[in-house]
């Protein structure tokens, strides 16, 4: 059955229906406005069919905010629309939802149900997405971790999260075997691997579909249907990158206001229901997971990259006419660094939005990328713990290079001193935020949760300032601030100045112990290929733009900066270098 709403009626109906989806009442004008703006701006007004509206009402009556229900909604609304593409394989929304139902039944049959968790340690692949939806459907938690994890890291993450199973790839089984002595029997009996047949001691992913007397589809007999789901049962646990020590598990649940927060962010962007979204970052990273979730909300087609490679990125953009993606800055640099003939061999003109986050976006890189690919870069600030907090649109990046933009509606930001006082405009303070997407806390770590909170606001330790136009700028991490001769030096300011030099690609600034000054500023510099800039040139360049204490005493030229798998610079490694 086709679309059934016309003209202004569409806007009114969708505004009311989506308003209900946000758990609101008629007098909550702000929420109704959010819903109506979303419907008209993203195209949901035109995409909603009568069966889809009926299914949405049914879900609303269930009272559930379970994220897996978005699959069911789109399976009813646009059953034959392409939902997921990976390695040439394709699933429509109807096929994907039925598969999620089958997996949910398989999980429950093996005791992986409400309140339990399962590790996902794979590269980007269809099973990652499918299992994540299925765990949500049964009220369990999917714990996504890096496929590069060592045996020691795996054992810590399994035991810290209390996981009772794992999905992995055959080539990663040696990691599990090396950690076996520290893993529970319950966990080891639920080792699922992609591909078939499974190696000895493991089960194939397909084994999860082998449930006696189970019928696929919406009429399945297991308890994961929408009427059985309760708010905030489902969760994901995303572990922080661990750039300064052991990772902390951020528990993200799905309270009633989650949908509204997501819709508010979408309303600040040109995202639409007909988008094709390319997942380029690893899915265990918040950037990839978060923007895939937003795209799923809109019923987009999701295209998965196993692992980022710059030329493959351009190939997939051209082949699938990709319109949106989310990357970290190092990926943008690697795309720009491709040989000119390689870049010219591909047509990227379908790209409308390239979200950048996860690490600071150098101002020159943003401008260079937009000069090449058009004004498509949207730089966001957020964290695993906070969700999406600010957004810089292309016009912001051109007007105020280096900005992370303005607060996304629904975020209340405070910049505070160590004693909890708000700083004046233009001054630097620790960035605290309150919104509806704050994590429930750190898993099994109440002390870390308390240390990150101030009067209901959450901080991950970033320092920022705000200009007179309301735009925010990150000045570095609180733990990375350099105090030299009693003067606070914010690494991001120094890095931004040096990265403006035409022969410099990127810079990382750290503090090094100094007997006279307490600390001295050291800059690690990556030059463009063929550049012959020396320390004296960069010191002169910095001296013309920075106050004396901020000028690096030492310059160390390196081929590349050490980074974790999600692109964050490992400054602890730089500080350890002599």
Protein backbone atom coordinates (compact mmCIF):
# COMPACT_ATOMS: atom_id res chain seq x y z
CA UNK A 1 0.00 0.00 0.00
CA UNK A 2 1.42 3.40 -0.95
CA UNK A 3 1.61 6.69 0.89
CA UNK A 4 -1.76 7.81 2.18
CA UNK A 5 -1.19 11.28 3.65
CA UNK A 6 -1.38 14.41 1.52
CA UNK A 7 -0.20 18.01 1.80
CA UNK A 8 -0.67 19.69 5.18
CA UNK A 9 -2.43 16.61 6.48
CA UNK A 10 0.87 14.74 6.26
CA UNK A 11 2.62 17.27 8.48
CA UNK A 12 -0.16 17.28 11.06
CA UNK A 13 -0.48 13.51 11.16
CA UNK A 14 3.24 12.86 11.35
CA UNK A 15 3.70 15.60 13.92
CA UNK A 16 1.07 13.95 16.12
CA UNK A 17 2.35 10.40 15.54
CA UNK A 18 6.02 11.22 16.08
CA UNK A 19 4.98 13.39 18.99
CA UNK A 20 3.50 10.28 20.51
CA UNK A 21 6.69 8.40 19.71
CA UNK A 22 8.50 10.86 21.95
CA UNK A 23 6.18 10.04 24.83
CA UNK A 24 4.67 13.52 24.93
CA UNK A 25 1.36 15.22 25.52
CA UNK A 26 -0.36 17.74 23.28
CA UNK A 27 0.68 20.77 25.34
CA UNK A 28 4.40 19.98 25.04
CA UNK A 29 4.88 22.38 22.13
CA UNK A 30 8.64 22.05 21.92
CA UNK A 31 8.43 18.31 21.42
CA UNK A 32 5.65 18.58 18.86
CA UNK A 33 7.74 21.14 16.97
CA UNK A 34 10.74 18.79 17.06
CA UNK A 35 8.66 15.96 15.63
CA UNK A 36 7.04 18.08 12.93
CA UNK A 37 10.39 19.60 11.90
CA UNK A 38 11.91 16.14 11.70
CA UNK A 39 9.07 14.83 9.57
CA UNK A 40 9.20 17.64 7.05
CA UNK A 41 12.97 18.20 6.96
CA UNK A 42 14.09 14.58 6.73
CA UNK A 43 11.31 13.39 4.43
CA UNK A 44 9.58 11.18 6.98
CA UNK A 45 6.37 13.01 6.13
CA UNK A 46 6.49 11.50 2.66
CA UNK A 47 7.86 8.10 3.65
CA UNK A 48 5.23 7.10 6.22
CA UNK A 49 2.63 4.69 4.87
CA UNK A 50 -0.61 3.59 6.45
CA UNK A 51 0.80 0.21 7.53
CA UNK A 52 3.83 2.02 8.94
CA UNK A 53 1.67 4.47 10.89
CA UNK A 54 -0.39 1.60 12.24
CA UNK A 55 2.74 -0.25 13.37
CA UNK A 56 4.09 2.91 14.98
CA UNK A 57 0.91 3.32 16.99
CA UNK A 58 1.15 -0.34 18.08
CA UNK A 59 4.73 0.21 19.25
CA UNK A 60 3.71 3.36 21.10
CA UNK A 61 0.99 1.48 22.94
CA UNK A 62 3.56 -1.07 24.08
CA UNK A 63 5.33 1.74 25.95
CA UNK A 64 8.74 0.53 24.79
CA UNK A 65 11.73 2.56 23.62
CA UNK A 66 13.65 -0.61 22.72
CA UNK A 67 15.95 0.35 19.83
CA UNK A 68 15.39 -2.91 17.94
CA UNK A 69 11.81 -1.89 17.24
CA UNK A 70 13.05 0.53 14.58
CA UNK A 71 13.74 -2.56 12.44
CA UNK A 72 10.16 -3.71 12.91
CA UNK A 73 8.77 -0.27 12.07
CA UNK A 74 10.68 0.00 8.81
CA UNK A 75 9.97 -3.63 7.95
CA UNK A 76 6.28 -2.75 8.06
CA UNK A 77 6.56 0.71 6.54
CA UNK A 78 8.97 -0.03 3.67
CA UNK A 79 9.42 -3.82 3.67
CA UNK A 80 11.20 -4.03 0.30
CA UNK A 81 13.54 -1.08 0.76
CA UNK A 82 17.23 -1.98 0.92
CA UNK A 83 18.39 -1.85 4.55
CA UNK A 84 21.88 -3.35 4.74
CA UNK A 85 24.71 -3.98 2.25
CA UNK A 86 27.91 -5.83 3.02
CA UNK A 87 30.37 -7.55 0.69
CA UNK A 88 27.79 -7.57 -2.09
CA UNK A 89 25.11 -9.17 0.10
CA UNK A 90 21.87 -7.28 0.57
CA UNK A 91 18.99 -7.39 3.05
CA UNK A 92 15.68 -5.57 2.81
CA UNK A 93 14.07 -4.23 5.96
CA UNK A 94 11.61 -7.12 5.98
CA UNK A 95 14.40 -9.69 5.67
CA UNK A 96 16.53 -7.99 8.29
CA UNK A 97 13.72 -7.77 10.86
CA UNK A 98 12.81 -11.44 10.38
CA UNK A 99 16.46 -12.37 10.83
CA UNK A 100 16.66 -10.32 14.04
CA UNK A 101 13.61 -12.19 15.35
CA UNK A 102 15.29 -15.52 14.66
CA UNK A 103 18.51 -14.46 16.35
CA UNK A 104 16.59 -13.17 19.36
CA UNK A 105 14.97 -16.57 19.79
CA UNK A 106 18.35 -18.27 19.46
CA UNK A 107 19.88 -16.04 22.11
CA UNK A 108 17.05 -16.70 24.54
CA UNK A 109 17.30 -20.45 23.93
CA UNK A 110 20.92 -20.26 25.12
CA UNK A 111 20.16 -18.16 28.18
CA UNK A 112 21.37 -14.87 26.71
CA UNK A 113 18.36 -12.80 27.59
CA UNK A 114 17.26 -9.94 29.83
CA UNK A 115 20.06 -8.58 31.97
CA UNK A 116 22.78 -10.67 30.27
CA UNK A 117 25.52 -9.44 27.95
CA UNK A 118 27.47 -10.79 25.01
CA UNK A 119 30.78 -9.59 23.59
CA UNK A 120 31.03 -8.69 19.89
CA UNK A 121 34.66 -8.80 18.70
CA UNK A 122 34.65 -8.62 14.92
CA UNK A 123 35.45 -6.23 12.13
CA UNK A 124 32.54 -4.43 10.54
CA UNK A 125 30.26 -7.09 9.12
CA UNK A 126 26.56 -7.87 8.79
CA UNK A 127 26.53 -10.20 11.80
CA UNK A 128 27.71 -7.33 14.03
CA UNK A 129 24.62 -5.29 13.14
CA UNK A 130 22.23 -8.23 13.24
CA UNK A 131 23.36 -9.54 16.61
CA UNK A 132 23.33 -6.06 18.12
CA UNK A 133 19.67 -5.65 17.17
CA UNK A 134 18.80 -9.12 18.44
CA UNK A 135 20.38 -8.57 21.87
CA UNK A 136 18.40 -5.35 22.21
CA UNK A 137 15.22 -7.18 21.26
CA UNK A 138 15.61 -9.58 24.19
CA UNK A 139 16.72 -6.89 26.65
CA UNK A 140 20.34 -8.01 26.74
CA UNK A 141 23.47 -5.89 26.27
CA UNK A 142 25.83 -6.07 23.33
CA UNK A 143 29.39 -5.23 24.41
CA UNK A 144 31.35 -4.21 21.34
CA UNK A 145 35.14 -4.32 21.69
CA UNK A 146 38.10 -3.93 19.38
CA UNK A 147 38.99 -6.93 17.27
CA UNK A 148 42.61 -5.94 17.98
CA UNK A 149 42.18 -6.68 21.71
CA UNK A 150 44.97 -8.66 23.36
CA UNK A 151 44.19 -11.73 25.48
CA UNK A 152 44.71 -9.64 28.63
CA UNK A 153 42.38 -6.92 27.38
CA UNK A 154 39.76 -9.46 26.34
CA UNK A 155 39.83 -11.15 29.76
CA UNK A 156 39.41 -7.80 31.52
CA UNK A 157 36.51 -6.74 29.27
CA UNK A 158 34.72 -10.08 29.55
CA UNK A 159 34.98 -10.22 33.32
CA UNK A 160 34.24 -6.53 33.86
CA UNK A 161 31.10 -6.67 31.71
CA UNK A 162 30.00 -10.09 33.01
CA UNK A 163 29.56 -11.33 29.44
CA UNK A 164 28.20 -14.86 28.97
CA UNK A 165 29.22 -15.29 25.34
CA UNK A 166 31.05 -13.82 22.37
CA UNK A 167 30.70 -13.40 18.63
CA UNK A 168 34.05 -13.32 16.85
CA UNK A 169 35.85 -14.35 13.66
CA UNK A 170 37.82 -17.60 13.18
CA UNK A 171 41.19 -15.82 12.93
CA UNK A 172 40.58 -14.20 16.33
CA UNK A 173 40.00 -17.48 18.18
CA UNK A 174 43.68 -17.65 19.32
CA UNK A 175 43.03 -14.52 21.40
CA UNK A 176 40.22 -16.31 23.23
CA UNK A 177 42.30 -19.44 23.64
CA UNK A 178 45.18 -17.44 25.17
CA UNK A 179 42.76 -15.93 27.68
CA UNK A 180 40.92 -19.20 28.41
CA UNK A 181 42.27 -19.63 31.94
CA UNK A 182 40.66 -16.32 32.98
CA UNK A 183 37.30 -16.93 31.31
CA UNK A 184 34.29 -18.62 32.88
CA UNK A 185 32.86 -21.95 31.64
CA UNK A 186 29.54 -20.18 30.97
CA UNK A 187 31.31 -17.77 28.64
CA UNK A 188 33.32 -20.46 26.87
CA UNK A 189 30.24 -22.53 26.02
CA UNK A 190 28.86 -19.60 23.99
CA UNK A 191 31.72 -18.84 21.61
CA UNK A 192 30.14 -18.09 18.23
CA UNK A 193 32.19 -17.52 15.09
CA UNK A 194 31.30 -16.15 11.70
CA UNK A 195 31.43 -18.55 8.80
CA UNK A 196 30.67 -22.23 8.67
CA UNK A 197 31.61 -24.83 9.70
CA UNK A 198 32.80 -23.68 13.10
CA UNK A 199 36.29 -24.66 14.33
CA UNK A 200 36.51 -27.16 17.21
CA UNK A 201 35.41 -25.68 20.52
CA UNK A 202 33.22 -23.03 18.93
CA UNK A 203 29.73 -22.69 17.44
CA UNK A 204 28.92 -21.17 14.09
CA UNK A 205 26.88 -17.97 14.00
CA UNK A 206 24.27 -19.95 12.07
CA UNK A 207 23.76 -22.15 15.14
CA UNK A 208 21.80 -19.27 16.66
CA UNK A 209 19.10 -19.85 14.05
CA UNK A 210 18.65 -23.49 15.03
CA UNK A 211 15.84 -23.13 17.55
CA UNK A 212 13.35 -26.00 17.84
CA UNK A 213 9.71 -25.18 17.05
CA UNK A 214 10.61 -21.59 16.18
CA UNK A 215 8.84 -19.80 13.39
CA UNK A 216 10.47 -16.73 11.94
CA UNK A 217 8.73 -13.43 11.48
CA UNK A 218 6.51 -11.30 13.66
CA UNK A 219 4.45 -14.23 14.83
CA UNK A 220 7.34 -15.87 16.64
CA UNK A 221 6.62 -17.39 19.99
CA UNK A 222 9.56 -15.99 21.93
CA UNK A 223 9.20 -13.15 24.39
CA UNK A 224 10.98 -10.43 22.46
CA UNK A 225 7.95 -8.90 20.76
CA UNK A 226 7.18 -5.24 21.41
CA UNK A 227 4.44 -5.98 23.91
CA UNK A 228 6.93 -7.88 26.08
CA UNK A 229 9.56 -5.17 26.17
CA UNK A 230 9.92 -2.73 29.03
CA UNK A 231 11.59 0.67 28.89
CA UNK A 232 15.31 0.72 29.66
CA UNK A 233 15.73 -3.06 29.67
CA UNK A 234 17.94 -3.07 26.61
CA UNK A 235 21.40 -1.57 26.77
CA UNK A 236 24.75 -1.45 25.11
CA UNK A 237 28.04 -1.18 26.95
CA UNK A 238 30.68 0.76 25.05
CA UNK A 239 34.16 0.80 26.52
CA UNK A 240 36.12 4.03 26.35
CA UNK A 241 39.27 4.06 24.27
CA UNK A 242 41.61 3.66 27.21
CA UNK A 243 44.18 6.28 26.11
CA UNK A 244 45.19 6.87 29.73
CA UNK A 245 44.69 3.49 31.34
CA UNK A 246 42.18 0.66 31.47
CA UNK A 247 38.97 1.35 29.56
CA UNK A 248 35.76 2.10 31.43
CA UNK A 249 32.46 0.59 30.33
CA UNK A 250 29.88 3.28 29.58
CA UNK A 251 26.39 1.83 30.01
CA UNK A 252 23.94 3.31 27.52
CA UNK A 253 20.30 2.57 28.14
CA UNK A 254 17.29 3.84 26.23
CA UNK A 255 15.00 6.00 28.36
CA UNK A 256 11.91 7.67 26.96
CA UNK A 257 13.69 10.88 25.94
CA UNK A 258 16.39 9.13 23.90
CA UNK A 259 14.38 9.38 20.69
CA UNK A 260 13.77 13.09 21.12
CA UNK A 261 17.48 13.76 21.67
CA UNK A 262 18.33 11.86 18.49
CA UNK A 263 15.67 13.72 16.51
CA UNK A 264 16.96 17.08 17.74
CA UNK A 265 20.41 16.30 16.37
CA UNK A 266 19.01 15.10 13.05
CA UNK A 267 17.06 18.35 12.76
CA UNK A 268 20.36 20.28 12.80
CA UNK A 269 21.61 18.37 9.75
CA UNK A 270 20.51 17.73 6.16
CA UNK A 271 19.97 14.02 6.91
CA UNK A 272 17.05 12.47 4.97
CA UNK A 273 15.15 9.21 4.77
CA UNK A 274 16.54 8.45 1.31
CA UNK A 275 20.18 8.64 2.41
CA UNK A 276 22.73 5.89 1.90
CA UNK A 277 25.06 5.80 4.90
CA UNK A 278 28.57 4.35 4.72
CA UNK A 279 29.95 2.93 7.98
CA UNK A 280 33.68 3.63 7.66
CA UNK A 281 34.84 3.70 11.31
CA UNK A 282 34.96 0.48 13.33
CA UNK A 283 31.55 -0.28 14.80
CA UNK A 284 32.98 -0.78 18.28
CA UNK A 285 33.68 2.97 18.21
CA UNK A 286 30.97 5.39 19.33
CA UNK A 287 31.24 7.46 16.15
CA UNK A 288 30.35 4.56 13.87
CA UNK A 289 27.74 3.11 16.22
CA UNK A 290 26.05 6.45 16.89
CA UNK A 291 25.71 7.62 13.30
CA UNK A 292 24.60 4.21 12.11
CA UNK A 293 21.88 4.35 14.79
CA UNK A 294 20.74 7.78 13.58
CA UNK A 295 20.66 6.50 10.01
CA UNK A 296 18.66 3.45 11.05
CA UNK A 297 16.11 5.72 12.71
CA UNK A 298 15.49 7.35 9.34
CA UNK A 299 15.28 4.03 7.52
CA UNK A 300 18.44 4.67 5.50
CA UNK A 301 20.36 2.06 3.58
CA UNK A 302 23.49 1.08 5.53
CA UNK A 303 26.67 0.11 3.66
CA UNK A 304 29.43 -1.53 5.72
CA UNK A 305 33.18 -1.31 5.18
CA UNK A 306 35.06 -4.18 6.84
CA UNK A 307 38.02 -1.92 7.55
CA UNK A 308 38.83 1.58 6.37
CA UNK A 309 41.02 1.97 3.32
CA UNK A 310 40.97 5.36 1.59
CA UNK A 311 40.66 4.13 -1.99
CA UNK A 312 38.01 1.56 -1.02
CA UNK A 313 36.12 4.39 0.68
CA UNK A 314 35.95 6.34 -2.58
CA UNK A 315 35.03 3.19 -4.52
CA UNK A 316 32.10 2.45 -2.21
CA UNK A 317 30.90 6.06 -2.28
CA UNK A 318 30.79 5.93 -6.07
CA UNK A 319 29.33 2.41 -6.37
CA UNK A 320 26.50 2.88 -3.87
CA UNK A 321 25.97 6.62 -4.36
CA UNK A 322 26.69 7.15 -0.68
CA UNK A 323 25.29 10.40 0.70
CA UNK A 324 26.38 10.36 4.37
CA UNK A 325 29.25 8.96 6.38
CA UNK A 326 31.09 9.50 9.68
CA UNK A 327 34.87 9.49 9.94
CA UNK A 328 37.73 10.51 12.21
CA UNK A 329 40.11 13.23 10.98
CA UNK A 330 42.95 10.83 10.17
CA UNK A 331 40.67 9.17 7.61
CA UNK A 332 40.04 12.52 5.93
CA UNK A 333 43.78 13.12 5.75
CA UNK A 334 44.40 9.67 4.25
CA UNK A 335 41.79 10.32 1.57
CA UNK A 336 43.41 13.65 0.69
CA UNK A 337 46.85 11.99 0.62
CA UNK A 338 45.80 9.57 -2.14
CA UNK A 339 47.55 10.11 -5.49
CA UNK A 340 45.74 12.66 -7.61
CA UNK A 341 45.01 10.12 -10.34
CA UNK A 342 43.36 7.83 -7.76
CA UNK A 343 41.10 10.61 -6.49
CA UNK A 344 40.16 11.65 -10.01
CA UNK A 345 39.25 8.04 -10.89
CA UNK A 346 36.24 8.11 -8.56
CA UNK A 347 33.10 10.22 -8.47
CA UNK A 348 32.27 11.33 -4.89
CA UNK A 349 29.65 13.91 -5.84
CA UNK A 350 26.82 12.00 -4.13
CA UNK A 351 28.36 12.84 -0.72
CA UNK A 352 26.32 15.48 1.08
CA UNK A 353 27.45 14.96 4.69
CA UNK A 354 30.78 13.88 6.15
CA UNK A 355 30.54 13.89 9.94
CA UNK A 356 33.92 14.25 11.63
CA UNK A 357 34.59 13.51 15.28
CA UNK A 358 36.32 11.22 17.74
CA UNK A 359 39.43 13.41 17.72
CA UNK A 360 40.18 17.11 17.14
CA UNK A 361 39.72 18.25 13.53
CA UNK A 362 42.63 20.51 12.52
CA UNK A 363 41.33 23.68 10.89
CA UNK A 364 43.53 23.36 7.75
CA UNK A 365 42.35 19.80 7.21
CA UNK A 366 38.68 20.80 7.34
CA UNK A 367 39.25 23.57 4.79
CA UNK A 368 41.38 21.39 2.49
CA UNK A 369 38.78 18.61 2.54
CA UNK A 370 35.92 20.97 1.77
CA UNK A 371 37.89 22.68 -0.98
CA UNK A 372 38.25 19.26 -2.58
CA UNK A 373 34.88 17.62 -1.87
CA UNK A 374 32.58 20.58 -1.30
CA UNK A 375 31.11 22.06 1.86
CA UNK A 376 30.06 18.70 3.29
CA UNK A 377 32.02 18.55 6.57
CA UNK A 378 30.06 18.64 9.84
CA UNK A 379 32.38 18.59 12.85
CA UNK A 380 30.73 17.30 16.00
CA UNK A 381 31.80 17.06 19.59
CA UNK A 382 30.61 14.26 21.79
CA UNK A 383 31.79 11.26 23.72
CA UNK A 384 30.78 7.74 24.52
CA UNK A 385 29.48 9.03 27.84
CA UNK A 386 27.62 12.13 26.64
CA UNK A 387 26.26 11.45 23.19
CA UNK A 388 26.32 14.30 20.65
CA UNK A 389 26.82 17.69 22.28
CA UNK A 390 27.82 20.29 19.67
CA UNK A 391 27.81 20.55 15.89
CA UNK A 392 29.83 22.79 13.57
CA UNK A 393 28.30 23.14 10.12
CA UNK A 394 30.36 23.90 7.01
CA UNK A 395 29.68 27.64 7.34
CA UNK A 396 30.93 27.51 10.96
CA UNK A 397 34.14 25.77 9.91
CA UNK A 398 34.84 28.39 7.27
CA UNK A 399 33.95 31.32 9.54
CA UNK A 400 35.70 30.00 12.67
CA UNK A 401 38.24 27.31 11.72
CA UNK A 402 38.81 24.77 14.47
CA UNK A 403 35.41 25.18 16.10
CA UNK A 404 33.31 22.28 17.34
CA UNK A 405 30.26 24.45 16.74
CA UNK A 406 27.28 25.38 18.85
CA UNK A 407 25.33 23.31 21.35
CA UNK A 408 22.81 20.95 19.80
CA UNK A 409 19.32 21.70 21.18
CA UNK A 410 18.72 19.66 24.32
CA UNK A 411 22.28 20.10 25.60
CA UNK A 412 23.04 22.36 28.55
CA UNK A 413 26.78 23.14 28.60
CA UNK A 414 28.79 24.65 31.42
CA UNK A 415 32.47 25.55 31.39
CA UNK A 416 33.71 25.28 34.98
CA UNK A 417 36.83 25.97 37.00
CA UNK A 418 38.22 23.36 39.38
CA UNK A 419 36.11 24.83 42.20
CA UNK A 420 32.88 24.65 40.17
CA UNK A 421 32.67 28.29 39.10
CA UNK A 422 31.51 29.12 35.58
CA UNK A 423 34.19 30.88 33.53
CA UNK A 424 33.66 34.12 31.62
CA UNK A 425 33.17 34.14 27.86
CA UNK A 426 36.45 33.49 26.11
CA UNK A 427 38.03 31.85 29.14
CA UNK A 428 38.90 28.16 29.31
CA UNK A 429 37.03 25.80 31.60
CA UNK A 430 36.26 22.11 31.89
CA UNK A 431 33.32 21.23 29.67
CA UNK A 432 30.37 19.72 31.54
CA UNK A 433 27.11 18.81 29.82
CA UNK A 434 23.63 17.74 30.83
CA UNK A 435 21.31 16.07 28.33
CA UNK A 436 19.02 13.09 27.85
CA UNK A 437 21.77 10.95 26.32
CA UNK A 438 24.14 10.87 29.29
CA UNK A 439 25.19 7.32 30.06
CA UNK A 440 23.71 5.60 33.06
CA UNK A 441 27.24 5.53 34.48
CA UNK A 442 30.43 3.51 34.29
CA UNK A 443 29.94 -0.23 34.60
CA UNK A 444 31.03 -1.45 38.04
CA UNK A 445 32.80 1.85 38.73
CA UNK A 446 30.76 4.17 40.92
CA UNK A 447 33.85 6.15 41.93
CA UNK A 448 34.64 7.04 38.32
CA UNK A 449 31.00 7.97 37.74
CA UNK A 450 30.96 10.31 40.76
CA UNK A 451 34.29 11.88 39.76
CA UNK A 452 32.88 12.77 36.33
CA UNK A 453 29.70 14.41 37.64
CA UNK A 454 28.99 17.89 38.97
CA UNK A 455 25.45 18.80 39.94
CA UNK A 456 23.96 16.46 37.33
CA UNK A 457 26.41 17.50 34.60
CA UNK A 458 28.95 15.08 33.10
CA UNK A 459 32.53 15.71 31.97
CA UNK A 460 35.05 13.51 30.17
CA UNK A 461 37.84 15.93 31.05
CA UNK A 462 37.90 18.19 27.99
CA UNK A 463 38.77 21.87 28.29
CA UNK A 464 36.94 24.40 26.12
CA UNK A 465 36.12 28.05 25.57
CA UNK A 466 33.18 29.81 23.94
CA UNK A 467 33.38 32.80 21.59
CA UNK A 468 30.95 35.72 21.34
CA UNK A 469 28.95 33.92 18.62
CA UNK A 470 28.26 30.94 20.87
CA UNK A 471 30.71 28.62 19.15
CA UNK A 472 32.83 26.29 21.27
CA UNK A 473 36.49 25.40 20.83
CA UNK A 474 38.27 22.48 22.49
CA UNK A 475 41.54 23.53 24.11
CA UNK A 476 42.73 20.07 25.08
CA UNK A 477 42.30 17.51 27.81
CA UNK A 478 42.45 18.58 31.43
CA UNK A 479 45.08 15.92 32.09
CA UNK A 480 47.09 17.17 29.08
CA UNK A 481 47.24 20.83 30.15
CA UNK A 482 50.83 22.01 30.50
CA UNK A 483 51.77 24.25 33.45
CA UNK A 484 55.10 25.92 32.73
CA UNK A 485 56.42 28.55 35.14
CA UNK A 486 52.93 28.83 36.63
CA UNK A 487 51.33 29.58 33.24
CA UNK A 488 48.58 27.30 31.86
CA UNK A 489 49.29 26.25 28.29
CA UNK A 490 46.47 24.56 26.37
CA UNK A 491 47.90 22.11 23.83
CA UNK A 492 45.10 22.61 21.29
CA UNK A 493 45.96 26.31 20.91
CA UNK A 494 49.62 25.58 20.19
CA UNK A 495 48.76 22.68 17.92
CA UNK A 496 46.33 24.82 15.94
CA UNK A 497 48.93 27.53 15.36
CA UNK A 498 51.63 25.12 14.19
CA UNK A 499 49.22 23.16 11.99
CA UNK A 500 48.50 26.39 10.11
CA UNK A 501 52.07 26.29 8.73
CA UNK A 502 51.84 25.13 5.09
CA UNK A 503 54.54 22.48 5.53
CA UNK A 504 52.95 20.84 8.59
CA UNK A 505 50.35 18.06 8.50
CA UNK A 506 49.69 17.61 12.22
CA UNK A 507 51.12 18.35 15.64
CA UNK A 508 50.79 16.95 19.15
CA UNK A 509 51.89 19.09 22.10
CA UNK A 510 52.75 17.63 25.52
CA UNK A 511 54.38 18.76 28.74
CA UNK A 512 57.81 17.39 29.64
CA UNK A 513 59.22 17.60 33.20
CA UNK A 514 61.65 20.51 33.64
CA UNK A 515 63.66 21.33 36.79
CA UNK A 516 63.42 25.09 36.32
CA UNK A 517 59.91 25.55 34.90
CA UNK A 518 58.10 22.49 36.26
CA UNK A 519 57.15 21.54 32.72
CA UNK A 520 58.25 22.68 29.30
CA UNK A 521 56.29 22.54 26.07
CA UNK A 522 57.35 19.94 23.52
CA UNK A 523 55.82 19.64 20.03
CA UNK A 524 55.83 16.46 17.99
CA UNK A 525 55.49 17.47 14.33
CA UNK A 526 54.55 15.54 11.19
CA UNK A 527 55.70 17.35 8.04
CA UNK A 528 54.26 17.11 4.57
CA UNK A 529 56.24 14.81 2.23
CA UNK A 530 59.26 16.60 0.85
CA UNK A 531 59.12 19.51 3.34
CA UNK A 532 62.43 20.69 4.81
CA UNK A 533 61.24 22.95 7.62
CA UNK A 534 63.50 22.95 10.67
CA UNK A 535 62.99 23.80 14.34
CA UNK A 536 64.15 27.38 13.90
CA UNK A 537 61.54 28.12 11.24
CA UNK A 538 58.73 26.71 13.35
CA UNK A 539 59.87 28.58 16.46
CA UNK A 540 59.84 31.84 14.53
CA UNK A 541 56.42 30.99 13.12
CA UNK A 542 55.11 30.24 16.63
CA UNK A 543 56.75 33.32 18.18
CA UNK A 544 54.82 35.57 15.79
CA UNK A 545 51.52 34.08 16.93
CA UNK A 546 51.92 32.87 20.53
CA UNK A 547 52.93 34.32 23.87
CA UNK A 548 56.36 33.30 25.15
CA UNK A 549 55.40 30.46 27.56
CA UNK A 550 53.33 28.79 24.83
CA UNK A 551 56.19 28.51 22.34
CA UNK A 552 57.54 24.94 22.33
CA UNK A 553 61.04 24.63 23.72
CA UNK A 554 61.55 21.37 21.83
CA UNK A 555 60.44 20.22 18.40
CA UNK A 556 60.55 16.52 17.58
CA UNK A 557 59.93 15.57 13.96
CA UNK A 558 58.21 12.20 13.49
CA UNK A 559 56.79 10.26 10.55
CA UNK A 560 53.45 9.73 12.30
CA UNK A 561 51.81 10.29 15.66
CA UNK A 562 50.96 7.22 17.77
CA UNK A 563 47.23 6.63 17.81
CA UNK A 564 44.77 4.12 19.19
CA UNK A 565 42.56 2.24 16.69
CA UNK A 566 39.91 4.98 16.77
CA UNK A 567 42.32 7.75 15.81
CA UNK A 568 43.04 9.42 19.15
CA UNK A 569 46.65 10.49 19.69
CA UNK A 570 48.32 8.56 22.50
CA UNK A 571 50.00 11.43 24.30
CA UNK A 572 51.13 9.20 27.13
CA UNK A 573 53.44 7.48 24.62
CA UNK A 574 54.80 10.83 23.47
CA UNK A 575 55.46 11.94 27.05
CA UNK A 576 57.36 8.70 27.65
CA UNK A 577 59.78 9.39 24.81
CA UNK A 578 63.11 10.91 25.83
